[in-house]
């Protein structure tokens, strides 16, 4: 067996073995952690508003021109991924805040920009949904307010038990490569003797 075949085997075997480990990893880490966006809703005045409608309103009023959601958007204003939690998970309070804005911090009155109460309720449903997303602990220390102070979201510490699949995969692949090389060297030495 020449060196090119040995190199090819040394590269192909780990690549092939990574496929099941990747599938297992993605399945266990991401399966069914995020809610269905149609099932997340808020109720106001006997009307129900869901997160899908809220995302459309969020885009219509160009909220991402100032804010971010899961790190996407502008960084002029706070990240809104967990704003529903930060405001006490109070749908009415969040809707009122969206409508009235925070002029002292640079957020305009959205009523002055043509936003209706229904739109604020829809956006609240979307922000309730974003709060439920599994962001794997992001933002770590919380989003930053414009005055430079982090909000109350604490960082999630990574434990060894959280990465057992990656570690076991690395150990397994290294042992397999070692065994293949050892078997090749033994066969090579037997052939020379």
Protein backbone atom coordinates (compact mmCIF):
# COMPACT_ATOMS: atom_id res chain seq x y z
CA UNK A 1 0.00 0.00 0.00
CA UNK A 2 1.48 3.34 -0.96
CA UNK A 3 1.46 6.55 1.06
CA UNK A 4 -1.30 8.14 -1.02
CA UNK A 5 -3.71 5.31 -0.15
CA UNK A 6 -2.78 5.58 3.52
CA UNK A 7 -3.43 9.32 3.47
CA UNK A 8 -6.74 8.78 1.67
CA UNK A 9 -7.85 6.17 4.21
CA UNK A 10 -6.70 8.41 7.06
CA UNK A 11 -8.87 11.24 5.73
CA UNK A 12 -11.94 9.30 4.54
CA UNK A 13 -12.57 7.21 7.63
CA UNK A 14 -12.85 10.19 10.03
CA UNK A 15 -14.96 12.08 7.49
CA UNK A 16 -17.37 9.16 7.11
CA UNK A 17 -17.54 8.64 10.88
CA UNK A 18 -18.32 12.31 11.49
CA UNK A 19 -21.63 12.03 9.62
CA UNK A 20 -23.46 9.97 12.29
CA UNK A 21 -21.87 11.99 15.10
CA UNK A 22 -23.04 15.20 13.43
CA UNK A 23 -26.57 13.87 13.00
CA UNK A 24 -26.72 12.75 16.63
CA UNK A 25 -25.31 16.07 17.79
CA UNK A 26 -27.75 18.19 15.79
CA UNK A 27 -30.68 16.01 16.74
CA UNK A 28 -30.02 16.09 20.48
CA UNK A 29 -28.99 19.75 20.57
CA UNK A 30 -31.62 21.34 18.36
CA UNK A 31 -34.59 19.00 18.00
CA UNK A 32 -37.87 20.48 19.16
CA UNK A 33 -36.34 23.23 21.29
CA UNK A 34 -37.95 26.15 19.51
CA UNK A 35 -41.70 26.65 19.69
CA UNK A 36 -43.95 26.73 16.65
CA UNK A 37 -44.29 30.39 15.72
CA UNK A 38 -48.00 29.96 14.96
CA UNK A 39 -48.65 28.64 18.46
CA UNK A 40 -47.13 31.65 20.23
CA UNK A 41 -49.71 34.38 20.57
CA UNK A 42 -50.98 37.21 22.73
CA UNK A 43 -54.60 38.15 23.38
CA UNK A 44 -55.90 41.70 23.62
CA UNK A 45 -59.54 42.76 23.59
CA UNK A 46 -60.64 39.24 22.67
CA UNK A 47 -58.36 39.20 19.60
CA UNK A 48 -55.45 36.82 19.17
CA UNK A 49 -52.20 37.90 17.52
CA UNK A 50 -49.53 35.35 16.59
CA UNK A 51 -45.78 35.62 16.17
CA UNK A 52 -45.87 35.28 12.37
CA UNK A 53 -48.07 38.37 12.08
CA UNK A 54 -45.75 40.04 14.59
CA UNK A 55 -42.65 39.40 12.51
CA UNK A 56 -44.35 41.02 9.53
CA UNK A 57 -45.20 44.10 11.62
CA UNK A 58 -41.66 44.12 13.07
CA UNK A 59 -40.33 44.26 9.51
CA UNK A 60 -42.97 46.76 8.34
CA UNK A 61 -41.93 49.29 10.98
CA UNK A 62 -38.24 48.60 10.32
CA UNK A 63 -37.48 47.80 13.95
CA UNK A 64 -34.23 46.11 12.90
CA UNK A 65 -32.99 49.47 11.66
CA UNK A 66 -32.15 50.15 15.32
CA UNK A 67 -32.56 46.85 17.21
CA UNK A 68 -31.24 43.31 16.85
CA UNK A 69 -32.89 39.92 17.21
CA UNK A 70 -30.48 37.09 18.03
CA UNK A 71 -27.61 39.33 16.90
CA UNK A 72 -29.15 40.21 13.52
CA UNK A 73 -29.95 43.83 12.80
CA UNK A 74 -28.53 47.16 13.89
CA UNK A 75 -26.67 47.83 17.11
CA UNK A 76 -27.96 51.34 17.80
CA UNK A 77 -30.56 50.15 20.32
CA UNK A 78 -30.79 47.12 22.67
CA UNK A 79 -31.11 43.56 21.46
CA UNK A 80 -34.77 42.51 21.67
CA UNK A 81 -34.31 38.73 21.79
CA UNK A 82 -35.17 38.58 25.51
CA UNK A 83 -37.05 41.87 25.96
CA UNK A 84 -40.27 40.02 26.81
CA UNK A 85 -38.53 38.47 29.82
CA UNK A 86 -36.81 41.74 30.78
CA UNK A 87 -40.15 43.55 30.92
CA UNK A 88 -41.57 40.90 33.25
CA UNK A 89 -43.34 38.80 30.60
CA UNK A 90 -46.17 41.31 30.68
CA UNK A 91 -47.71 41.50 27.20
CA UNK A 92 -49.65 44.70 27.86
CA UNK A 93 -46.63 46.52 29.32
CA UNK A 94 -44.46 45.56 26.35
CA UNK A 95 -47.12 46.68 23.85
CA UNK A 96 -47.50 50.01 25.62
CA UNK A 97 -43.73 50.47 25.69
CA UNK A 98 -43.51 49.76 21.97
CA UNK A 99 -46.19 52.34 21.23
CA UNK A 100 -44.90 55.06 23.56
CA UNK A 101 -41.19 54.48 22.85
CA UNK A 102 -38.37 55.82 24.99
CA UNK A 103 -37.59 59.29 23.63
CA UNK A 104 -34.93 59.94 26.29
CA UNK A 105 -33.00 56.92 24.96
CA UNK A 106 -33.63 57.66 21.30
CA UNK A 107 -36.67 55.45 20.61
CA UNK A 108 -39.42 57.56 19.04
CA UNK A 109 -43.13 57.39 19.83
CA UNK A 110 -44.24 54.72 17.41
CA UNK A 111 -47.76 56.16 17.38
CA UNK A 112 -46.20 59.20 15.70
CA UNK A 113 -44.80 56.87 13.04
CA UNK A 114 -48.21 55.45 12.19
CA UNK A 115 -48.13 52.33 14.33
CA UNK A 116 -51.53 51.15 15.48
CA UNK A 117 -52.27 49.28 18.69
CA UNK A 118 -52.91 46.07 16.74
CA UNK A 119 -49.42 46.30 15.26
CA UNK A 120 -47.88 46.71 18.73
CA UNK A 121 -49.77 43.61 19.90
CA UNK A 122 -48.51 41.67 16.89
CA UNK A 123 -44.93 42.76 17.57
CA UNK A 124 -45.39 41.74 21.21
CA UNK A 125 -46.37 38.24 20.05
CA UNK A 126 -43.20 38.10 17.92
CA UNK A 127 -41.02 39.28 20.81
CA UNK A 128 -42.69 36.73 23.07
CA UNK A 129 -41.67 34.10 20.51
CA UNK A 130 -38.07 35.35 20.27
CA UNK A 131 -37.84 35.15 24.05
CA UNK A 132 -38.73 31.42 23.81
CA UNK A 133 -36.02 30.63 21.25
CA UNK A 134 -33.19 28.36 22.32
CA UNK A 135 -30.25 30.68 21.73
CA UNK A 136 -27.81 28.44 23.60
CA UNK A 137 -27.26 31.14 26.22
CA UNK A 138 -26.75 34.02 23.78
CA UNK A 139 -26.48 36.89 24.48
CA UNK A 140 -24.05 35.71 27.15
CA UNK A 141 -23.91 38.70 29.45
CA UNK A 142 -27.13 40.15 28.12
CA UNK A 143 -27.69 42.82 25.57
CA UNK A 144 -26.17 46.22 26.16
CA UNK A 145 -28.27 49.26 26.80
CA UNK A 146 -27.24 52.49 25.11
CA UNK A 147 -25.75 53.79 28.37
CA UNK A 148 -23.29 50.87 28.43
CA UNK A 149 -24.83 48.88 31.26
CA UNK A 150 -25.65 45.22 30.63
CA UNK A 151 -29.15 44.05 31.38
CA UNK A 152 -29.91 41.37 33.93
CA UNK A 153 -29.49 38.34 31.65
CA UNK A 154 -26.78 36.15 33.14
CA UNK A 155 -24.29 34.12 31.12
CA UNK A 156 -24.78 30.38 30.81
CA UNK A 157 -21.68 28.46 31.85
CA UNK A 158 -20.64 25.60 29.61
CA UNK A 159 -20.32 22.30 31.42
CA UNK A 160 -18.43 19.21 30.27
CA UNK A 161 -21.72 17.33 30.25
CA UNK A 162 -22.95 19.74 27.55
CA UNK A 163 -20.21 18.71 25.12
CA UNK A 164 -19.90 14.97 25.79
CA UNK A 165 -20.80 14.04 22.21
CA UNK A 166 -18.06 16.14 20.66
CA UNK A 167 -15.47 14.86 23.12
CA UNK A 168 -16.45 11.21 22.67
CA UNK A 169 -16.41 11.64 18.88
CA UNK A 170 -12.93 13.14 18.94
CA UNK A 171 -11.62 10.37 21.19
CA UNK A 172 -13.26 7.64 19.08
CA UNK A 173 -11.94 9.00 15.79
CA UNK A 174 -8.42 9.40 17.15
CA UNK A 175 -8.43 5.84 18.50
CA UNK A 176 -9.71 4.54 15.17
CA UNK A 177 -7.05 6.38 13.20
CA UNK A 178 -4.40 5.14 15.62
CA UNK A 179 -5.65 1.54 15.22
CA UNK A 180 -5.62 1.79 11.41
CA UNK A 181 -2.10 3.20 11.32
CA UNK A 182 -0.91 0.59 13.83
CA UNK A 183 -2.46 -2.23 11.77
CA UNK A 184 -0.88 -0.84 8.61
CA UNK A 185 2.55 -0.59 10.22
CA UNK A 186 2.27 -4.15 11.61
CA UNK A 187 1.28 -5.49 8.19
CA UNK A 188 4.10 -3.54 6.58
CA UNK A 189 6.63 -4.89 9.10
CA UNK A 190 5.33 -8.48 8.61
CA UNK A 191 5.74 -8.09 4.86
CA UNK A 192 9.36 -6.90 5.21
CA UNK A 193 10.33 -9.75 7.54
